[in-house]
Amino acid sequence: MKTFYWNPETLDFFQLLKESEGNEKMKESVEMFVYNECDLEDNENYEDLIKDLLYQIENTTLEEIENLKK
């Protein structure tokens, strides 16, 4: 799987959305975010971006995200 850099505030937003609205709402919002806000670069596709963002949301704690902001 390709790995991308995501702004800590983006990860934080989707972590909090997952906690407040649930996993399905968060996944829908991630897809909308990637399609509407992300620009593809060489050899990238939206599906890879979505998979990586979801992976990082699922595998990064709020504490780790806060440390990234420092």
C-alpha atoms as a PDB file:
ATOM      1  CA  MET A   1       0.000   0.000   0.000  1.00  0.00           C
ATOM      2  CA  LYS A   2       1.239   3.484  -0.833  1.00  0.00           C
ATOM      3  CA  THR A   3       1.782   5.851   2.068  1.00  0.00           C
ATOM      4  CA  PHE A   4       1.022   9.569   1.959  1.00  0.00           C
ATOM      5  CA  TYR A   5       1.552  12.485   4.305  1.00  0.00           C
ATOM      6  CA  TRP A   6      -1.645  13.781   5.913  1.00  0.00           C
ATOM      7  CA  ASN A   7      -1.874  17.007   7.852  1.00  0.00           C
ATOM      8  CA  PRO A   8      -2.285  16.223  11.584  1.00  0.00           C
ATOM      9  CA  GLU A   9      -5.391  18.435  11.683  1.00  0.00           C
ATOM     10  CA  THR A  10      -6.957  16.277   8.950  1.00  0.00           C
ATOM     11  CA  LEU A  11      -6.287  13.095  10.920  1.00  0.00           C
ATOM     12  CA  ASP A  12      -7.606  14.767  14.081  1.00  0.00           C
ATOM     13  CA  PHE A  13     -10.799  15.905  12.368  1.00  0.00           C
ATOM     14  CA  PHE A  14     -11.618  12.443  11.045  1.00  0.00           C
ATOM     15  CA  GLN A  15     -10.712  10.738  14.341  1.00  0.00           C
ATOM     16  CA  LEU A  16     -13.135  13.015  16.167  1.00  0.00           C
ATOM     17  CA  LEU A  17     -15.786  12.525  13.481  1.00  0.00           C
ATOM     18  CA  LYS A  18     -15.451   8.762  13.863  1.00  0.00           C
ATOM     19  CA  GLU A  19     -15.924   9.046  17.627  1.00  0.00           C
ATOM     20  CA  SER A  20     -18.957  11.324  17.366  1.00  0.00           C
ATOM     21  CA  GLU A  21     -20.720  10.114  14.198  1.00  0.00           C
ATOM     22  CA  GLY A  22     -19.486   6.545  13.751  1.00  0.00           C
ATOM     23  CA  ASN A  23     -17.291   4.658  11.324  1.00  0.00           C
ATOM     24  CA  GLU A  24     -19.620   4.730   8.290  1.00  0.00           C
ATOM     25  CA  LYS A  25     -20.134   8.504   8.406  1.00  0.00           C
ATOM     26  CA  MET A  26     -16.389   8.980   8.785  1.00  0.00           C
ATOM     27  CA  LYS A  27     -15.664   6.753   5.763  1.00  0.00           C
ATOM     28  CA  GLU A  28     -18.194   8.653   3.629  1.00  0.00           C
ATOM     29  CA  SER A  29     -16.631  11.943   4.693  1.00  0.00           C
ATOM     30  CA  VAL A  30     -13.117  10.689   3.899  1.00  0.00           C
ATOM     31  CA  GLU A  31     -14.208   9.767   0.378  1.00  0.00           C
ATOM     32  CA  MET A  32     -15.845  13.148  -0.160  1.00  0.00           C
ATOM     33  CA  PHE A  33     -12.772  14.922   1.231  1.00  0.00           C
ATOM     34  CA  VAL A  34     -10.343  13.051  -1.014  1.00  0.00           C
ATOM     35  CA  TYR A  35     -12.416  13.514  -4.178  1.00  0.00           C
ATOM     36  CA  ASN A  36     -13.091  17.201  -3.513  1.00  0.00           C
ATOM     37  CA  GLU A  37      -9.969  18.475  -1.752  1.00  0.00           C
ATOM     38  CA  CYS A  38      -7.012  16.362  -2.908  1.00  0.00           C
ATOM     39  CA  ASP A  39      -5.035  16.871  -6.091  1.00  0.00           C
ATOM     40  CA  LEU A  40      -3.529  13.793  -7.682  1.00  0.00           C
ATOM     41  CA  GLU A  41       0.174  13.755  -8.444  1.00  0.00           C
ATOM     42  CA  ASP A  42       2.192  11.363 -10.597  1.00  0.00           C
ATOM     43  CA  ASN A  43       0.940   7.764 -10.453  1.00  0.00           C
ATOM     44  CA  GLU A  44      -1.579   8.496  -7.691  1.00  0.00           C
ATOM     45  CA  ASN A  45      -5.247   7.624  -7.713  1.00  0.00           C
ATOM     46  CA  TYR A  46      -8.118   8.486  -5.417  1.00  0.00           C
ATOM     47  CA  GLU A  47      -8.541   4.913  -4.193  1.00  0.00           C
ATOM     48  CA  ASP A  48      -4.936   4.800  -2.898  1.00  0.00           C
ATOM     49  CA  LEU A  49      -5.429   8.118  -1.099  1.00  0.00           C
ATOM     50  CA  ILE A  50      -8.683   6.930   0.491  1.00  0.00           C
ATOM     51  CA  LYS A  51      -7.164   3.620   1.616  1.00  0.00           C
ATOM     52  CA  ASP A  52      -4.139   5.298   3.151  1.00  0.00           C
ATOM     53  CA  LEU A  53      -6.117   8.006   4.921  1.00  0.00           C
ATOM     54  CA  LEU A  54      -8.509   5.420   6.385  1.00  0.00           C
ATOM     55  CA  TYR A  55      -5.531   3.295   7.450  1.00  0.00           C
ATOM     56  CA  GLN A  56      -3.847   6.219   9.183  1.00  0.00           C
ATOM     57  CA  ILE A  57      -7.087   7.242  10.920  1.00  0.00           C
ATOM     58  CA  GLU A  58      -7.571   3.687  12.185  1.00  0.00           C
ATOM     59  CA  ASN A  59      -3.946   3.208  13.255  1.00  0.00           C
ATOM     60  CA  THR A  60      -3.044   6.565  14.776  1.00  0.00           C
ATOM     61  CA  THR A  61      -4.165   7.519  18.265  1.00  0.00           C
ATOM     62  CA  LEU A  62      -5.387  10.980  19.209  1.00  0.00           C
ATOM     63  CA  GLU A  63      -2.308  11.291  21.432  1.00  0.00           C
ATOM     64  CA  GLU A  64      -0.008  10.545  18.483  1.00  0.00           C
ATOM     65  CA  ILE A  65      -1.858  13.123  16.383  1.00  0.00           C
ATOM     66  CA  GLU A  66      -1.437  15.753  19.104  1.00  0.00           C
ATOM     67  CA  ASN A  67       2.304  15.023  19.173  1.00  0.00           C
ATOM     68  CA  LEU A  68       2.468  15.508  15.389  1.00  0.00           C
ATOM     69  CA  LYS A  69       1.012  19.006  15.808  1.00  0.00           C
ATOM     70  CA  LYS A  70       3.936  20.103  18.001  1.00  0.00           C
END
